[in-house]
């Protein structure tokens, strides 16, 4: 897992969720609207497009899941 990818993901999440959110939790448990906001933020940050049929709840359930998914897309 690339450390710079992880740092960028954390930066996007902090921007979207606020500085007080504990990103060390295993599960982020986000509402649907927040998931979509994060996806848009990630697409902008990483200059890529996340497919509409991607399982957003699973992808955005943890920082590690987001990083793994983005690294797969970048390959």
PDB file of N, CA and C in Angstrom:
ATOM      1  N   UNK A   1       0.853  -1.172   0.000  1.00  0.00           N
ATOM      2  CA  UNK A   1       0.000   0.000   0.000  1.00  0.00           C
ATOM      3  C   UNK A   1       0.896   1.232   0.000  1.00  0.00           C
ATOM      4  N   UNK A   2       0.714   2.090  -0.942  1.00  0.00           N
ATOM      5  CA  UNK A   2       1.527   3.296  -1.059  1.00  0.00           C
ATOM      6  C   UNK A   2       1.200   4.286   0.058  1.00  0.00           C
ATOM      7  N   UNK A   3       2.241   4.748   0.735  1.00  0.00           N
ATOM      8  CA  UNK A   3       2.034   5.697   1.831  1.00  0.00           C
ATOM      9  C   UNK A   3       1.497   7.024   1.313  1.00  0.00           C
ATOM     10  N   UNK A   4       1.960   7.446   0.137  1.00  0.00           N
ATOM     11  CA  UNK A   4       1.457   8.720  -0.383  1.00  0.00           C
ATOM     12  C   UNK A   4      -0.013   8.614  -0.767  1.00  0.00           C
ATOM     13  N   UNK A   5      -0.442   7.472  -1.292  1.00  0.00           N
ATOM     14  CA  UNK A   5      -1.858   7.269  -1.594  1.00  0.00           C
ATOM     15  C   UNK A   5      -2.667   7.331  -0.307  1.00  0.00           C
ATOM     16  N   UNK A   6      -2.186   6.666   0.710  1.00  0.00           N
ATOM     17  CA  UNK A   6      -2.875   6.665   2.009  1.00  0.00           C
ATOM     18  C   UNK A   6      -2.980   8.086   2.566  1.00  0.00           C
ATOM     19  N   UNK A   7      -1.904   8.837   2.510  1.00  0.00           N
ATOM     20  CA  UNK A   7      -1.906  10.210   3.016  1.00  0.00           C
ATOM     21  C   UNK A   7      -2.900  11.083   2.246  1.00  0.00           C
ATOM     22  N   UNK A   8      -2.958  10.905   0.937  1.00  0.00           N
ATOM     23  CA  UNK A   8      -3.895  11.676   0.120  1.00  0.00           C
ATOM     24  C   UNK A   8      -5.332  11.299   0.441  1.00  0.00           C
ATOM     25  N   UNK A   9      -5.603  10.011   0.647  1.00  0.00           N
ATOM     26  CA  UNK A   9      -6.944   9.555   1.015  1.00  0.00           C
ATOM     27  C   UNK A   9      -7.341  10.171   2.353  1.00  0.00           C
ATOM     28  N   UNK A  10      -6.439  10.139   3.315  1.00  0.00           N
ATOM     29  CA  UNK A  10      -6.724  10.716   4.629  1.00  0.00           C
ATOM     30  C   UNK A  10      -6.994  12.207   4.509  1.00  0.00           C
ATOM     31  N   UNK A  11      -6.258  12.885   3.665  1.00  0.00           N
ATOM     32  CA  UNK A  11      -6.481  14.322   3.449  1.00  0.00           C
ATOM     33  C   UNK A  11      -7.891  14.583   2.908  1.00  0.00           C
ATOM     34  N   UNK A  12      -8.318  13.801   1.931  1.00  0.00           N
ATOM     35  CA  UNK A  12      -9.666  13.948   1.366  1.00  0.00           C
ATOM     36  C   UNK A  12     -10.715  13.660   2.448  1.00  0.00           C
ATOM     37  N   UNK A  13     -10.534  12.587   3.202  1.00  0.00           N
ATOM     38  CA  UNK A  13     -11.496  12.228   4.239  1.00  0.00           C
ATOM     39  C   UNK A  13     -11.583  13.302   5.316  1.00  0.00           C
ATOM     40  N   UNK A  14     -10.457  13.840   5.714  1.00  0.00           N
ATOM     41  CA  UNK A  14     -10.467  14.910   6.725  1.00  0.00           C
ATOM     42  C   UNK A  14     -11.207  16.143   6.199  1.00  0.00           C
ATOM     43  N   UNK A  15     -11.006  16.439   4.931  1.00  0.00           N
ATOM     44  CA  UNK A  15     -11.695  17.582   4.321  1.00  0.00           C
ATOM     45  C   UNK A  15     -13.208  17.349   4.290  1.00  0.00           C
ATOM     46  N   UNK A  16     -13.634  16.139   3.964  1.00  0.00           N
ATOM     47  CA  UNK A  16     -15.050  15.816   3.834  1.00  0.00           C
ATOM     48  C   UNK A  16     -15.742  15.554   5.177  1.00  0.00           C
ATOM     49  N   UNK A  17     -15.014  14.936   6.114  1.00  0.00           N
ATOM     50  CA  UNK A  17     -15.629  14.496   7.361  1.00  0.00           C
ATOM     51  C   UNK A  17     -15.282  15.380   8.554  1.00  0.00           C
ATOM     52  N   UNK A  18     -14.289  16.225   8.399  1.00  0.00           N
ATOM     53  CA  UNK A  18     -13.871  17.092   9.491  1.00  0.00           C
ATOM     54  C   UNK A  18     -12.637  16.558  10.188  1.00  0.00           C
ATOM     55  N   UNK A  19     -11.928  17.433  10.872  1.00  0.00           N
ATOM     56  CA  UNK A  19     -10.660  17.043  11.493  1.00  0.00           C
ATOM     57  C   UNK A  19     -10.809  16.159  12.728  1.00  0.00           C
ATOM     58  N   UNK A  20     -11.997  16.106  13.315  1.00  0.00           N
ATOM     59  CA  UNK A  20     -12.185  15.356  14.558  1.00  0.00           C
ATOM     60  C   UNK A  20     -12.584  13.899  14.361  1.00  0.00           C
ATOM     61  N   UNK A  21     -12.808  13.479  13.120  1.00  0.00           N
ATOM     62  CA  UNK A  21     -13.228  12.099  12.857  1.00  0.00           C
ATOM     63  C   UNK A  21     -12.041  11.163  13.046  1.00  0.00           C
ATOM     64  N   UNK A  22     -12.272  10.089  13.781  1.00  0.00           N
ATOM     65  CA  UNK A  22     -11.223   9.099  14.024  1.00  0.00           C
ATOM     66  C   UNK A  22     -11.163   8.144  12.838  1.00  0.00           C
ATOM     67  N   UNK A  23     -10.147   8.304  12.005  1.00  0.00           N
ATOM     68  CA  UNK A  23     -10.009   7.476  10.810  1.00  0.00           C
ATOM     69  C   UNK A  23      -9.328   6.146  11.104  1.00  0.00           C
ATOM     70  N   UNK A  24      -8.985   5.906  12.356  1.00  0.00           N
ATOM     71  CA  UNK A  24      -8.364   4.640  12.732  1.00  0.00           C
ATOM     72  C   UNK A  24      -9.388   3.551  12.999  1.00  0.00           C
ATOM     73  N   UNK A  25     -10.678   3.921  13.043  1.00  0.00           N
ATOM     74  CA  UNK A  25     -11.713   2.896  13.208  1.00  0.00           C
ATOM     75  C   UNK A  25     -11.683   1.942  12.027  1.00  0.00           C
ATOM     76  N   UNK A  26     -11.966   0.725  12.298  1.00  0.00           N
ATOM     77  CA  UNK A  26     -11.965  -0.275  11.231  1.00  0.00           C
ATOM     78  C   UNK A  26     -13.054   0.040  10.209  1.00  0.00           C
ATOM     79  N   UNK A  27     -14.220   0.456  10.688  1.00  0.00           N
ATOM     80  CA  UNK A  27     -15.335   0.762   9.785  1.00  0.00           C
ATOM     81  C   UNK A  27     -15.715   2.218   9.936  1.00  0.00           C
ATOM     82  N   UNK A  28     -15.821   2.913   8.810  1.00  0.00           N
ATOM     83  CA  UNK A  28     -16.162   4.327   8.841  1.00  0.00           C
ATOM     84  C   UNK A  28     -17.656   4.565   9.016  1.00  0.00           C
ATOM     85  N   UNK A  29     -18.511   3.618   8.567  1.00  0.00           N
ATOM     86  CA  UNK A  29     -19.962   3.711   8.714  1.00  0.00           C
ATOM     87  C   UNK A  29     -20.509   5.064   8.253  1.00  0.00           C
ATOM     88  N   UNK A  30     -20.448   5.284   6.958  1.00  0.00           N
ATOM     89  CA  UNK A  30     -20.871   6.551   6.358  1.00  0.00           C
ATOM     90  C   UNK A  30     -22.280   6.462   5.814  1.00  0.00           C
ATOM     91  N   UNK A  31     -22.967   7.587   5.808  1.00  0.00           N
ATOM     92  CA  UNK A  31     -24.276   7.679   5.161  1.00  0.00           C
ATOM     93  C   UNK A  31     -24.061   7.745   3.649  1.00  0.00           C
ATOM     94  N   UNK A  32     -25.086   7.403   2.880  1.00  0.00           N
ATOM     95  CA  UNK A  32     -24.977   7.350   1.425  1.00  0.00           C
ATOM     96  C   UNK A  32     -24.508   8.657   0.816  1.00  0.00           C
ATOM     97  N   UNK A  33     -25.060   9.767   1.260  1.00  0.00           N
ATOM     98  CA  UNK A  33     -24.668  11.064   0.709  1.00  0.00           C
ATOM     99  C   UNK A  33     -23.197  11.349   0.994  1.00  0.00           C
ATOM    100  N   UNK A  34     -22.732  11.017   2.175  1.00  0.00           N
ATOM    101  CA  UNK A  34     -21.329  11.235   2.538  1.00  0.00           C
ATOM    102  C   UNK A  34     -20.427  10.353   1.683  1.00  0.00           C
ATOM    103  N   UNK A  35     -20.874   9.120   1.401  1.00  0.00           N
ATOM    104  CA  UNK A  35     -20.105   8.231   0.524  1.00  0.00           C
ATOM    105  C   UNK A  35     -19.913   8.869  -0.848  1.00  0.00           C
ATOM    106  N   UNK A  36     -20.987   9.418  -1.390  1.00  0.00           N
ATOM    107  CA  UNK A  36     -20.914  10.046  -2.705  1.00  0.00           C
ATOM    108  C   UNK A  36     -20.003  11.267  -2.693  1.00  0.00           C
ATOM    109  N   UNK A  37     -20.080  12.059  -1.640  1.00  0.00           N
ATOM    110  CA  UNK A  37     -19.202  13.223  -1.524  1.00  0.00           C
ATOM    111  C   UNK A  37     -17.739  12.789  -1.482  1.00  0.00           C
ATOM    112  N   UNK A  38     -17.468  11.740  -0.749  1.00  0.00           N
ATOM    113  CA  UNK A  38     -16.099  11.241  -0.662  1.00  0.00           C
ATOM    114  C   UNK A  38     -15.633  10.705  -2.004  1.00  0.00           C
ATOM    115  N   UNK A  39     -16.489   9.990  -2.711  1.00  0.00           N
ATOM    116  CA  UNK A  39     -16.135   9.472  -4.029  1.00  0.00           C
ATOM    117  C   UNK A  39     -15.776  10.626  -4.969  1.00  0.00           C
ATOM    118  N   UNK A  40     -16.572  11.676  -4.970  1.00  0.00           N
ATOM    119  CA  UNK A  40     -16.279  12.831  -5.821  1.00  0.00           C
ATOM    120  C   UNK A  40     -14.949  13.462  -5.404  1.00  0.00           C
ATOM    121  N   UNK A  41     -14.731  13.599  -4.108  1.00  0.00           N
ATOM    122  CA  UNK A  41     -13.469  14.145  -3.621  1.00  0.00           C
ATOM    123  C   UNK A  41     -12.280  13.295  -4.040  1.00  0.00           C
ATOM    124  N   UNK A  42     -12.419  11.976  -3.963  1.00  0.00           N
ATOM    125  CA  UNK A  42     -11.350  11.067  -4.375  1.00  0.00           C
ATOM    126  C   UNK A  42     -11.116  11.139  -5.879  1.00  0.00           C
ATOM    127  N   UNK A  43     -12.193  11.201  -6.645  1.00  0.00           N
ATOM    128  CA  UNK A  43     -12.053  11.319  -8.102  1.00  0.00           C
ATOM    129  C   UNK A  43     -11.298  12.591  -8.467  1.00  0.00           C
ATOM    130  N   UNK A  44     -11.606  13.682  -7.792  1.00  0.00           N
ATOM    131  CA  UNK A  44     -10.912  14.946  -8.059  1.00  0.00           C
ATOM    132  C   UNK A  44      -9.449  14.879  -7.634  1.00  0.00           C
ATOM    133  N   UNK A  45      -9.195  14.361  -6.459  1.00  0.00           N
ATOM    134  CA  UNK A  45      -7.825  14.291  -5.928  1.00  0.00           C
ATOM    135  C   UNK A  45      -6.927  13.400  -6.776  1.00  0.00           C
ATOM    136  N   UNK A  46      -7.456  12.259  -7.202  1.00  0.00           N
ATOM    137  CA  UNK A  46      -6.650  11.279  -7.925  1.00  0.00           C
ATOM    138  C   UNK A  46      -6.836  11.347  -9.436  1.00  0.00           C
ATOM    139  N   UNK A  47      -7.670  12.269  -9.898  1.00  0.00           N
ATOM    140  CA  UNK A  47      -7.930  12.468 -11.329  1.00  0.00           C
ATOM    141  C   UNK A  47      -8.280  11.146 -12.018  1.00  0.00           C
ATOM    142  N   UNK A  48      -9.288  10.488 -11.477  1.00  0.00           N
ATOM    143  CA  UNK A  48      -9.783   9.243 -12.058  1.00  0.00           C
ATOM    144  C   UNK A  48     -11.285   9.192 -11.911  1.00  0.00           C
ATOM    145  N   UNK A  49     -11.878   8.190 -12.520  1.00  0.00           N
ATOM    146  CA  UNK A  49     -13.321   8.016 -12.449  1.00  0.00           C
ATOM    147  C   UNK A  49     -13.626   6.670 -11.799  1.00  0.00           C
ATOM    148  N   UNK A  50     -14.419   6.721 -10.746  1.00  0.00           N
ATOM    149  CA  UNK A  50     -14.843   5.494 -10.072  1.00  0.00           C
ATOM    150  C   UNK A  50     -16.129   5.030 -10.746  1.00  0.00           C
ATOM    151  N   UNK A  51     -16.166   3.784 -11.214  1.00  0.00           N
ATOM    152  CA  UNK A  51     -17.340   3.286 -11.936  1.00  0.00           C
ATOM    153  C   UNK A  51     -18.625   3.421 -11.113  1.00  0.00           C
ATOM    154  N   UNK A  52     -19.710   3.715 -11.813  1.00  0.00           N
ATOM    155  CA  UNK A  52     -21.007   3.884 -11.144  1.00  0.00           C
ATOM    156  C   UNK A  52     -21.477   2.620 -10.450  1.00  0.00           C
ATOM    157  N   UNK A  53     -21.052   1.464 -10.951  1.00  0.00           N
ATOM    158  CA  UNK A  53     -21.500   0.206 -10.353  1.00  0.00           C
ATOM    159  C   UNK A  53     -20.543  -0.301  -9.261  1.00  0.00           C
ATOM    160  N   UNK A  54     -19.584   0.518  -8.881  1.00  0.00           N
ATOM    161  CA  UNK A  54     -18.646   0.127  -7.820  1.00  0.00           C
ATOM    162  C   UNK A  54     -19.399   0.016  -6.489  1.00  0.00           C
ATOM    163  N   UNK A  55     -19.048  -0.956  -5.675  1.00  0.00           N
ATOM    164  CA  UNK A  55     -19.714  -1.148  -4.375  1.00  0.00           C
ATOM    165  C   UNK A  55     -19.237  -0.098  -3.355  1.00  0.00           C
ATOM    166  N   UNK A  56     -19.837   1.074  -3.396  1.00  0.00           N
ATOM    167  CA  UNK A  56     -19.370   2.206  -2.595  1.00  0.00           C
ATOM    168  C   UNK A  56     -19.363   1.930  -1.096  1.00  0.00           C
ATOM    169  N   UNK A  57     -20.362   1.239  -0.598  1.00  0.00           N
ATOM    170  CA  UNK A  57     -20.417   0.961   0.842  1.00  0.00           C
ATOM    171  C   UNK A  57     -19.204   0.149   1.279  1.00  0.00           C
ATOM    172  N   UNK A  58     -18.827  -0.815   0.476  1.00  0.00           N
ATOM    173  CA  UNK A  58     -17.668  -1.641   0.814  1.00  0.00           C
ATOM    174  C   UNK A  58     -16.370  -0.861   0.623  1.00  0.00           C
ATOM    175  N   UNK A  59     -16.274  -0.124  -0.476  1.00  0.00           N
ATOM    176  CA  UNK A  59     -15.061   0.635  -0.772  1.00  0.00           C
ATOM    177  C   UNK A  59     -14.800   1.685   0.300  1.00  0.00           C
ATOM    178  N   UNK A  60     -15.819   2.418   0.698  1.00  0.00           N
ATOM    179  CA  UNK A  60     -15.643   3.522   1.635  1.00  0.00           C
ATOM    180  C   UNK A  60     -15.787   3.098   3.093  1.00  0.00           C
ATOM    181  N   UNK A  61     -15.789   1.808   3.355  1.00  0.00           N
ATOM    182  CA  UNK A  61     -15.981   1.343   4.734  1.00  0.00           C
ATOM    183  C   UNK A  61     -14.739   1.522   5.605  1.00  0.00           C
ATOM    184  N   UNK A  62     -13.570   1.684   4.984  1.00  0.00           N
ATOM    185  CA  UNK A  62     -12.349   1.905   5.771  1.00  0.00           C
ATOM    186  C   UNK A  62     -11.314   2.610   4.906  1.00  0.00           C
ATOM    187  N   UNK A  63     -10.360   3.227   5.569  1.00  0.00           N
ATOM    188  CA  UNK A  63      -9.269   3.885   4.851  1.00  0.00           C
ATOM    189  C   UNK A  63      -8.509   2.859   4.018  1.00  0.00           C
ATOM    190  N   UNK A  64      -8.225   1.700   4.589  1.00  0.00           N
ATOM    191  CA  UNK A  64      -7.490   0.660   3.868  1.00  0.00           C
ATOM    192  C   UNK A  64      -8.237   0.195   2.623  1.00  0.00           C
ATOM    193  N   UNK A  65      -9.556   0.024   2.719  1.00  0.00           N
ATOM    194  CA  UNK A  65     -10.343  -0.382   1.549  1.00  0.00           C
ATOM    195  C   UNK A  65     -10.279   0.667   0.449  1.00  0.00           C
ATOM    196  N   UNK A  66     -10.357   1.928   0.827  1.00  0.00           N
ATOM    197  CA  UNK A  66     -10.280   3.007  -0.170  1.00  0.00           C
ATOM    198  C   UNK A  66      -8.932   2.966  -0.869  1.00  0.00           C
ATOM    199  N   UNK A  67      -7.857   2.850  -0.093  1.00  0.00           N
ATOM    200  CA  UNK A  67      -6.508   2.844  -0.669  1.00  0.00           C
ATOM    201  C   UNK A  67      -6.335   1.660  -1.616  1.00  0.00           C
ATOM    202  N   UNK A  68      -6.754   0.467  -1.186  1.00  0.00           N
ATOM    203  CA  UNK A  68      -6.636  -0.719  -2.046  1.00  0.00           C
ATOM    204  C   UNK A  68      -7.409  -0.541  -3.345  1.00  0.00           C
ATOM    205  N   UNK A  69      -8.636  -0.026  -3.251  1.00  0.00           N
ATOM    206  CA  UNK A  69      -9.457   0.171  -4.441  1.00  0.00           C
ATOM    207  C   UNK A  69      -8.799   1.167  -5.399  1.00  0.00           C
ATOM    208  N   UNK A  70      -8.300   2.266  -4.873  1.00  0.00           N
ATOM    209  CA  UNK A  70      -7.659   3.277  -5.726  1.00  0.00           C
ATOM    210  C   UNK A  70      -6.409   2.743  -6.381  1.00  0.00           C
ATOM    211  N   UNK A  71      -5.644   1.961  -5.652  1.00  0.00           N
ATOM    212  CA  UNK A  71      -4.439   1.393  -6.243  1.00  0.00           C
ATOM    213  C   UNK A  71      -4.767   0.413  -7.360  1.00  0.00           C
ATOM    214  N   UNK A  72      -5.871  -0.325  -7.237  1.00  0.00           N
ATOM    215  CA  UNK A  72      -6.305  -1.202  -8.325  1.00  0.00           C
ATOM    216  C   UNK A  72      -6.697  -0.391  -9.544  1.00  0.00           C
ATOM    217  N   UNK A  73      -7.411   0.714  -9.328  1.00  0.00           N
ATOM    218  CA  UNK A  73      -7.829   1.559 -10.451  1.00  0.00           C
ATOM    219  C   UNK A  73      -6.644   2.198 -11.161  1.00  0.00           C
ATOM    220  N   UNK A  74      -5.621   2.547 -10.421  1.00  0.00           N
ATOM    221  CA  UNK A  74      -4.466   3.224 -11.007  1.00  0.00           C
ATOM    222  C   UNK A  74      -3.592   2.295 -11.824  1.00  0.00           C
ATOM    223  N   UNK A  75      -3.735   0.980 -11.663  1.00  0.00           N
ATOM    224  CA  UNK A  75      -2.910   0.027 -12.411  1.00  0.00           C
ATOM    225  C   UNK A  75      -3.346  -0.076 -13.834  1.00  0.00           C
TER     226      UNK A  75
END
